[in-house]
Amino acid sequence: MTEDVAAPGSPGPGPDDAALLAAHVAGDAEAFPELVRRHRDRLWAVALRTTGDPEDAADALQDALVSAFRNAGSFRGEAAVTTWLHRVVVNACLDRMRRRRARPTVPLPAEDGDTGAHGIADPRDDLDRLELRMEIDRALRALPDDQRAAIVLVDVEGLPVSEAAALLGVPEGTVKSRCSRGRARLAVALAGLRNPDDPGGVPSPQPRPAPDPAATLDPPPGGEPA
C-alpha cells in the first residue's frame, strides 16, 4: 500500500481513504473492508435517516457497498472519498424509497414516551403519538423522492445545505428549492394537525399535552428538524 498517514476517524496511523480506495482498485483485498470498517457507522446512519426504515436502510447500504466495490475505479478524486461513499448510499436509498412507496409501514412509538404521575405511560398518549407519527410518515412518503431526500438530509439529519448538495450530487440551489417545495407540501398535508378555524395556524388545543410533531420524526442527536 501507499505511505502511512494519519487517517481521520481511524484508531491510529494508516493509509488515508483515497489511498485505501486506490489500493482496492489495484487489487488489495484488504483495502475495501478497511474503508468500510472506518466509515460503516456513518454510512449506516445516512442510510437509516434517509429511508426511515431499518430494513430498507440495511438493504440500501448493502446495495451501495456492492456498487462502491464494483465501481471504485470510477472515483476521480473530485470530492472526498467519504462524500463519494455517502452519495452512493443516498442514491441506493432513493432507489429503495421508490420501490417501497406501495408498501406502507407504521413506525413504532418511542420507548421514552410521556409518563403519568406514577411513572406509567398513559396509553392515550401512546395512541396520540402513534397517530401523529403515522400522519407525518404518510406525508413524508407522499413527497416526491427528491424532495423527501432533501428534507430528511437537511431538516431531519441537520446537514448543511452544502453537504446535502454534495451527497445528492446537485447544486445547493436545487437542494434549497426541493426543501422549500417539500416543506410547502408537508404544511398542506399536515394542516389537519392544526386548528382549521385559526387562520394563524395555531395548533389545536388538546385535552392532554400533544407530542411535538418534529419529535415524531426521531432525528438522530444533533439533527433537529427545521
C-alpha atoms as a PDB file:
ATOM      1  CA  MET A   1       0.000   0.000   0.000  1.00  0.00           C
ATOM      2  CA  THR A   2       0.982   3.666  -0.006  1.00  0.00           C
ATOM      3  CA  GLU A   3       2.788   5.584   2.710  1.00  0.00           C
ATOM      4  CA  ASP A   4       1.091   5.583   6.091  1.00  0.00           C
ATOM      5  CA  VAL A   5      -0.517   8.836   7.171  1.00  0.00           C
ATOM      6  CA  ALA A   6      -2.887   9.787   9.920  1.00  0.00           C
ATOM      7  CA  ALA A   7      -6.363   8.860   8.717  1.00  0.00           C
ATOM      8  CA  PRO A   8      -9.253  10.948  10.073  1.00  0.00           C
ATOM      9  CA  GLY A   9     -11.538   8.798  12.157  1.00  0.00           C
ATOM     10  CA  SER A  10      -9.141   5.866  12.244  1.00  0.00           C
ATOM     11  CA  PRO A  11      -7.731   4.494  15.507  1.00  0.00           C
ATOM     12  CA  GLY A  12      -4.126   5.211  14.505  1.00  0.00           C
ATOM     13  CA  PRO A  13      -1.719   5.761  11.598  1.00  0.00           C
ATOM     14  CA  GLY A  14      -2.750   4.158   8.362  1.00  0.00           C
ATOM     15  CA  PRO A  15      -3.429   4.891   4.715  1.00  0.00           C
ATOM     16  CA  ASP A  16      -5.930   7.656   4.087  1.00  0.00           C
ATOM     17  CA  ASP A  17      -9.271   6.986   2.409  1.00  0.00           C
ATOM     18  CA  ALA A  18      -8.052   7.829  -1.088  1.00  0.00           C
ATOM     19  CA  ALA A  19      -5.065   5.524  -0.667  1.00  0.00           C
ATOM     20  CA  LEU A  20      -7.305   2.695   0.512  1.00  0.00           C
ATOM     21  CA  LEU A  21      -9.625   3.128  -2.450  1.00  0.00           C
ATOM     22  CA  ALA A  22      -6.682   3.216  -4.850  1.00  0.00           C
ATOM     23  CA  ALA A  23      -5.246   0.098  -3.240  1.00  0.00           C
ATOM     24  CA  HIS A  24      -8.591  -1.652  -3.654  1.00  0.00           C
ATOM     25  CA  VAL A  25      -8.664  -0.748  -7.339  1.00  0.00           C
ATOM     26  CA  ALA A  26      -5.115  -2.080  -7.637  1.00  0.00           C
ATOM     27  CA  GLY A  27      -6.192  -5.429  -6.212  1.00  0.00           C
ATOM     28  CA  ASP A  28      -5.502  -5.185  -2.479  1.00  0.00           C
ATOM     29  CA  ALA A  29      -8.101  -7.500  -0.930  1.00  0.00           C
ATOM     30  CA  GLU A  30      -7.826  -5.863   2.490  1.00  0.00           C
ATOM     31  CA  ALA A  31      -8.267  -2.242   1.427  1.00  0.00           C
ATOM     32  CA  PHE A  32     -12.012  -2.044   0.825  1.00  0.00           C
ATOM     33  CA  PRO A  33     -13.005  -3.896   4.023  1.00  0.00           C
ATOM     34  CA  GLU A  34     -10.834  -1.443   5.970  1.00  0.00           C
ATOM     35  CA  LEU A  35     -12.508   1.504   4.242  1.00  0.00           C
ATOM     36  CA  VAL A  36     -15.926   0.094   5.108  1.00  0.00           C
ATOM     37  CA  ARG A  37     -14.902  -0.554   8.713  1.00  0.00           C
ATOM     38  CA  ARG A  38     -13.696   3.010   9.038  1.00  0.00           C
ATOM     39  CA  HIS A  39     -16.954   4.586   7.816  1.00  0.00           C
ATOM     40  CA  ARG A  40     -19.569   1.880   8.424  1.00  0.00           C
ATOM     41  CA  ASP A  41     -21.333   3.615  11.308  1.00  0.00           C
ATOM     42  CA  ARG A  42     -21.696   6.906   9.462  1.00  0.00           C
ATOM     43  CA  LEU A  43     -22.866   5.222   6.264  1.00  0.00           C
ATOM     44  CA  TRP A  44     -25.440   3.243   8.240  1.00  0.00           C
ATOM     45  CA  ALA A  45     -26.682   6.438   9.881  1.00  0.00           C
ATOM     46  CA  VAL A  46     -27.074   8.120   6.498  1.00  0.00           C
ATOM     47  CA  ALA A  47     -28.999   5.132   5.125  1.00  0.00           C
ATOM     48  CA  LEU A  48     -31.296   4.883   8.134  1.00  0.00           C
ATOM     49  CA  ARG A  49     -32.079   8.576   8.260  1.00  0.00           C
ATOM     50  CA  THR A  50     -32.714   8.772   4.531  1.00  0.00           C
ATOM     51  CA  THR A  51     -35.003   5.752   4.263  1.00  0.00           C
ATOM     52  CA  GLY A  52     -36.576   5.984   7.710  1.00  0.00           C
ATOM     53  CA  ASP A  53     -36.795   2.191   7.810  1.00  0.00           C
ATOM     54  CA  PRO A  54     -34.139  -0.178   9.250  1.00  0.00           C
ATOM     55  CA  GLU A  55     -34.871  -2.980   6.798  1.00  0.00           C
ATOM     56  CA  ASP A  56     -34.710  -0.684   3.788  1.00  0.00           C
ATOM     57  CA  ALA A  57     -31.622   1.010   5.220  1.00  0.00           C
ATOM     58  CA  ALA A  58     -29.823  -2.328   5.576  1.00  0.00           C
ATOM     59  CA  ASP A  59     -30.744  -3.360   2.037  1.00  0.00           C
ATOM     60  CA  ALA A  60     -29.783   0.039   0.628  1.00  0.00           C
ATOM     61  CA  LEU A  61     -26.447   0.020   2.442  1.00  0.00           C
ATOM     62  CA  GLN A  62     -25.663  -3.445   1.122  1.00  0.00           C
ATOM     63  CA  ASP A  63     -26.563  -2.347  -2.410  1.00  0.00           C
ATOM     64  CA  ALA A  64     -24.421   0.765  -2.004  1.00  0.00           C
ATOM     65  CA  LEU A  65     -21.365  -1.112  -0.765  1.00  0.00           C
ATOM     66  CA  VAL A  66     -21.596  -3.607  -3.613  1.00  0.00           C
ATOM     67  CA  SER A  67     -21.869  -0.709  -6.060  1.00  0.00           C
ATOM     68  CA  ALA A  68     -18.923   1.114  -4.486  1.00  0.00           C
ATOM     69  CA  PHE A  69     -16.844  -2.078  -4.508  1.00  0.00           C
ATOM     70  CA  ARG A  70     -17.506  -2.678  -8.195  1.00  0.00           C
ATOM     71  CA  ASN A  71     -17.272   0.942  -9.348  1.00  0.00           C
ATOM     72  CA  ALA A  72     -14.372   2.200  -7.257  1.00  0.00           C
ATOM     73  CA  GLY A  73     -12.399   2.743 -10.433  1.00  0.00           C
ATOM     74  CA  SER A  74     -14.827   5.493 -11.419  1.00  0.00           C
ATOM     75  CA  PHE A  75     -13.748   7.640  -8.464  1.00  0.00           C
ATOM     76  CA  ARG A  76     -11.822  10.613  -9.843  1.00  0.00           C
ATOM     77  CA  GLY A  77     -10.861  12.366  -6.627  1.00  0.00           C
ATOM     78  CA  GLU A  78     -13.006  15.431  -7.344  1.00  0.00           C
ATOM     79  CA  ALA A  79     -14.541  15.098  -3.865  1.00  0.00           C
ATOM     80  CA  ALA A  80     -13.574  13.368  -0.649  1.00  0.00           C
ATOM     81  CA  VAL A  81     -13.929   9.595  -0.614  1.00  0.00           C
ATOM     82  CA  THR A  82     -16.455   9.923   2.205  1.00  0.00           C
ATOM     83  CA  THR A  83     -18.574  12.292   0.112  1.00  0.00           C
ATOM     84  CA  TRP A  84     -18.469   9.828  -2.764  1.00  0.00           C
ATOM     85  CA  LEU A  85     -19.435   6.935  -0.485  1.00  0.00           C
ATOM     86  CA  HIS A  86     -22.276   8.914   1.075  1.00  0.00           C
ATOM     87  CA  ARG A  87     -23.575   9.823  -2.364  1.00  0.00           C
ATOM     88  CA  VAL A  88     -23.570   6.155  -3.386  1.00  0.00           C
ATOM     89  CA  VAL A  89     -25.510   5.314  -0.208  1.00  0.00           C
ATOM     90  CA  VAL A  90     -28.039   8.109  -0.723  1.00  0.00           C
ATOM     91  CA  ASN A  91     -28.615   7.040  -4.320  1.00  0.00           C
ATOM     92  CA  ALA A  92     -29.198   3.460  -3.189  1.00  0.00           C
ATOM     93  CA  CYS A  93     -31.633   4.751  -0.575  1.00  0.00           C
ATOM     94  CA  LEU A  94     -33.543   6.723  -3.192  1.00  0.00           C
ATOM     95  CA  ASP A  95     -33.897   3.540  -5.232  1.00  0.00           C
ATOM     96  CA  ARG A  96     -35.252   1.706  -2.187  1.00  0.00           C
ATOM     97  CA  MET A  97     -37.638   4.552  -1.388  1.00  0.00           C
ATOM     98  CA  ARG A  98     -39.093   4.368  -4.884  1.00  0.00           C
ATOM     99  CA  ARG A  99     -39.629   0.628  -4.558  1.00  0.00           C
ATOM    100  CA  ARG A 100     -41.365   0.781  -1.190  1.00  0.00           C
ATOM    101  CA  ARG A 101     -43.865   3.568  -1.948  1.00  0.00           C
ATOM    102  CA  ALA A 102     -46.625   0.991  -2.356  1.00  0.00           C
ATOM    103  CA  ARG A 103     -45.615  -0.774   0.868  1.00  0.00           C
ATOM    104  CA  PRO A 104     -46.791   1.462   3.752  1.00  0.00           C
ATOM    105  CA  THR A 105     -45.231   0.893   7.145  1.00  0.00           C
ATOM    106  CA  VAL A 106     -46.206   2.051  10.611  1.00  0.00           C
ATOM    107  CA  PRO A 107     -43.359   3.340  12.802  1.00  0.00           C
ATOM    108  CA  LEU A 108     -43.310   2.076  16.358  1.00  0.00           C
ATOM    109  CA  PRO A 109     -43.973   4.530  19.186  1.00  0.00           C
ATOM    110  CA  ALA A 110     -40.958   5.885  21.032  1.00  0.00           C
ATOM    111  CA  GLU A 111     -39.942   3.934  24.112  1.00  0.00           C
ATOM    112  CA  ASP A 112     -39.309   7.082  26.121  1.00  0.00           C
ATOM    113  CA  GLY A 113     -42.838   8.440  25.837  1.00  0.00           C
ATOM    114  CA  ASP A 114     -44.510  10.694  28.392  1.00  0.00           C
ATOM    115  CA  THR A 115     -45.294   9.039  31.688  1.00  0.00           C
ATOM    116  CA  GLY A 116     -48.023   9.664  34.188  1.00  0.00           C
ATOM    117  CA  ALA A 117     -47.722  10.779  37.788  1.00  0.00           C
ATOM    118  CA  HIS A 118     -46.602   7.301  38.878  1.00  0.00           C
ATOM    119  CA  GLY A 119     -44.107   6.814  36.043  1.00  0.00           C
ATOM    120  CA  ILE A 120     -46.523   4.702  33.975  1.00  0.00           C
ATOM    121  CA  ALA A 121     -47.046   5.708  30.358  1.00  0.00           C
ATOM    122  CA  ASP A 122     -50.558   6.887  29.579  1.00  0.00           C
ATOM    123  CA  PRO A 123     -51.840   4.625  26.761  1.00  0.00           C
ATOM    124  CA  ARG A 124     -53.806   7.575  25.405  1.00  0.00           C
ATOM    125  CA  ASP A 125     -50.552   9.478  24.946  1.00  0.00           C
ATOM    126  CA  ASP A 126     -49.043   6.485  23.158  1.00  0.00           C
ATOM    127  CA  LEU A 127     -52.031   6.428  20.830  1.00  0.00           C
ATOM    128  CA  ASP A 128     -51.725  10.157  20.175  1.00  0.00           C
ATOM    129  CA  ARG A 129     -48.046   9.766  19.419  1.00  0.00           C
ATOM    130  CA  LEU A 130     -48.606   6.803  17.121  1.00  0.00           C
ATOM    131  CA  GLU A 131     -51.402   8.546  15.226  1.00  0.00           C
ATOM    132  CA  LEU A 132     -49.313  11.684  14.823  1.00  0.00           C
ATOM    133  CA  ARG A 133     -46.301   9.742  13.632  1.00  0.00           C
ATOM    134  CA  MET A 134     -48.458   7.857  11.152  1.00  0.00           C
ATOM    135  CA  GLU A 135     -49.752  11.147   9.746  1.00  0.00           C
ATOM    136  CA  ILE A 136     -46.253  12.565   9.376  1.00  0.00           C
ATOM    137  CA  ASP A 137     -44.939   9.299   7.950  1.00  0.00           C
ATOM    138  CA  ARG A 138     -47.695   9.267   5.333  1.00  0.00           C
ATOM    139  CA  ALA A 139     -46.991  12.899   4.467  1.00  0.00           C
ATOM    140  CA  LEU A 140     -43.278  12.237   4.061  1.00  0.00           C
ATOM    141  CA  ARG A 141     -43.877   9.169   1.926  1.00  0.00           C
ATOM    142  CA  ALA A 142     -46.215  11.164  -0.306  1.00  0.00           C
ATOM    143  CA  LEU A 143     -43.433  13.601  -1.172  1.00  0.00           C
ATOM    144  CA  PRO A 144     -41.531  13.152  -4.417  1.00  0.00           C
ATOM    145  CA  ASP A 145     -38.393  11.177  -3.667  1.00  0.00           C
ATOM    146  CA  ASP A 146     -36.031  14.047  -4.398  1.00  0.00           C
ATOM    147  CA  GLN A 147     -37.905  16.375  -2.037  1.00  0.00           C
ATOM    148  CA  ARG A 148     -38.100  13.737   0.703  1.00  0.00           C
ATOM    149  CA  ALA A 149     -34.365  13.061   0.489  1.00  0.00           C
ATOM    150  CA  ALA A 150     -33.584  16.772   0.736  1.00  0.00           C
ATOM    151  CA  ILE A 151     -35.965  17.237   3.682  1.00  0.00           C
ATOM    152  CA  VAL A 152     -34.503  14.261   5.535  1.00  0.00           C
ATOM    153  CA  LEU A 153     -30.891  15.289   4.989  1.00  0.00           C
ATOM    154  CA  VAL A 154     -31.353  18.983   5.816  1.00  0.00           C
ATOM    155  CA  ASP A 155     -34.251  19.093   8.283  1.00  0.00           C
ATOM    156  CA  VAL A 156     -34.000  15.711   9.987  1.00  0.00           C
ATOM    157  CA  GLU A 157     -30.321  14.869   9.803  1.00  0.00           C
ATOM    158  CA  GLY A 158     -29.362  18.518  10.199  1.00  0.00           C
ATOM    159  CA  LEU A 159     -26.779  18.616   7.430  1.00  0.00           C
ATOM    160  CA  PRO A 160     -25.780  21.973   5.965  1.00  0.00           C
ATOM    161  CA  VAL A 161     -27.182  22.605   2.508  1.00  0.00           C
ATOM    162  CA  SER A 162     -23.703  22.421   1.014  1.00  0.00           C
ATOM    163  CA  GLU A 163     -23.129  18.894   2.370  1.00  0.00           C
ATOM    164  CA  ALA A 164     -26.596  17.719   1.369  1.00  0.00           C
ATOM    165  CA  ALA A 165     -25.949  19.057  -2.125  1.00  0.00           C
ATOM    166  CA  ALA A 166     -22.676  17.138  -2.283  1.00  0.00           C
ATOM    167  CA  LEU A 167     -24.368  13.934  -1.141  1.00  0.00           C
ATOM    168  CA  LEU A 168     -27.206  14.278  -3.631  1.00  0.00           C
ATOM    169  CA  GLY A 169     -24.916  15.406  -6.434  1.00  0.00           C
ATOM    170  CA  VAL A 170     -26.927  18.539  -7.196  1.00  0.00           C
ATOM    171  CA  PRO A 171     -26.329  22.298  -6.804  1.00  0.00           C
ATOM    172  CA  GLU A 172     -27.074  23.945  -3.460  1.00  0.00           C
ATOM    173  CA  GLY A 173     -29.855  25.961  -5.063  1.00  0.00           C
ATOM    174  CA  THR A 174     -31.558  22.731  -6.104  1.00  0.00           C
ATOM    175  CA  VAL A 175     -31.459  21.423  -2.536  1.00  0.00           C
ATOM    176  CA  LYS A 176     -32.936  24.683  -1.241  1.00  0.00           C
ATOM    177  CA  SER A 177     -35.686  24.536  -3.858  1.00  0.00           C
ATOM    178  CA  ARG A 178     -36.520  20.907  -3.062  1.00  0.00           C
ATOM    179  CA  CYS A 179     -36.640  21.660   0.659  1.00  0.00           C
ATOM    180  CA  SER A 180     -38.871  24.675   0.094  1.00  0.00           C
ATOM    181  CA  ARG A 181     -41.304  22.751  -2.098  1.00  0.00           C
ATOM    182  CA  GLY A 182     -41.238  19.760   0.221  1.00  0.00           C
ATOM    183  CA  ARG A 183     -41.970  21.895   3.278  1.00  0.00           C
ATOM    184  CA  ALA A 184     -44.859  23.537   1.455  1.00  0.00           C
ATOM    185  CA  ARG A 185     -46.331  20.126   0.611  1.00  0.00           C
ATOM    186  CA  LEU A 186     -45.895  18.958   4.185  1.00  0.00           C
ATOM    187  CA  ALA A 187     -47.597  22.089   5.506  1.00  0.00           C
ATOM    188  CA  VAL A 188     -50.638  21.341   3.359  1.00  0.00           C
ATOM    189  CA  ALA A 189     -50.646  17.610   4.123  1.00  0.00           C
ATOM    190  CA  LEU A 190     -50.328  18.191   7.868  1.00  0.00           C
ATOM    191  CA  ALA A 191     -52.818  21.045   8.032  1.00  0.00           C
ATOM    192  CA  GLY A 192     -55.224  18.737   9.867  1.00  0.00           C
ATOM    193  CA  LEU A 193     -52.845  18.707  12.815  1.00  0.00           C
ATOM    194  CA  ARG A 194     -53.597  22.388  13.359  1.00  0.00           C
ATOM    195  CA  ASN A 195     -56.791  24.196  14.228  1.00  0.00           C
ATOM    196  CA  PRO A 196     -58.653  24.635  10.908  1.00  0.00           C
ATOM    197  CA  ASP A 197     -60.624  27.576  12.365  1.00  0.00           C
ATOM    198  CA  ASP A 198     -57.484  29.548  13.206  1.00  0.00           C
ATOM    199  CA  PRO A 199     -56.082  31.396  10.161  1.00  0.00           C
ATOM    200  CA  GLY A 200     -52.856  31.935  12.060  1.00  0.00           C
ATOM    201  CA  GLY A 201     -52.214  28.221  12.129  1.00  0.00           C
ATOM    202  CA  VAL A 202     -52.084  27.929  15.909  1.00  0.00           C
ATOM    203  CA  PRO A 203     -52.077  24.257  16.944  1.00  0.00           C
ATOM    204  CA  SER A 204     -55.436  22.981  18.124  1.00  0.00           C
ATOM    205  CA  PRO A 205     -55.869  22.770  21.895  1.00  0.00           C
ATOM    206  CA  GLN A 206     -55.689  19.244  23.260  1.00  0.00           C
ATOM    207  CA  PRO A 207     -57.108  17.760  26.468  1.00  0.00           C
ATOM    208  CA  ARG A 208     -53.644  16.256  27.026  1.00  0.00           C
ATOM    209  CA  PRO A 209     -50.255  17.672  26.033  1.00  0.00           C
ATOM    210  CA  ALA A 210     -49.700  16.584  22.441  1.00  0.00           C
ATOM    211  CA  PRO A 211     -46.272  15.339  21.338  1.00  0.00           C
ATOM    212  CA  ASP A 212     -44.201  17.710  19.226  1.00  0.00           C
ATOM    213  CA  PRO A 213     -44.685  16.722  15.553  1.00  0.00           C
ATOM    214  CA  ALA A 214     -40.972  17.253  14.958  1.00  0.00           C
ATOM    215  CA  ALA A 215     -40.071  14.791  17.702  1.00  0.00           C
ATOM    216  CA  THR A 216     -42.013  12.021  15.990  1.00  0.00           C
ATOM    217  CA  LEU A 217     -39.534  12.031  13.124  1.00  0.00           C
ATOM    218  CA  ASP A 218     -36.978  10.527  15.534  1.00  0.00           C
ATOM    219  CA  PRO A 219     -33.977  12.541  14.279  1.00  0.00           C
ATOM    220  CA  PRO A 220     -30.544  11.452  15.460  1.00  0.00           C
ATOM    221  CA  PRO A 221     -28.717  13.502  18.107  1.00  0.00           C
ATOM    222  CA  GLY A 222     -27.770  16.858  16.661  1.00  0.00           C
ATOM    223  CA  GLY A 223     -30.262  16.544  13.777  1.00  0.00           C
ATOM    224  CA  GLU A 224     -33.322  18.574  14.715  1.00  0.00           C
ATOM    225  CA  PRO A 225     -35.936  19.193  12.020  1.00  0.00           C
ATOM    226  CA  ALA A 226     -36.265  22.780  10.868  1.00  0.00           C
END
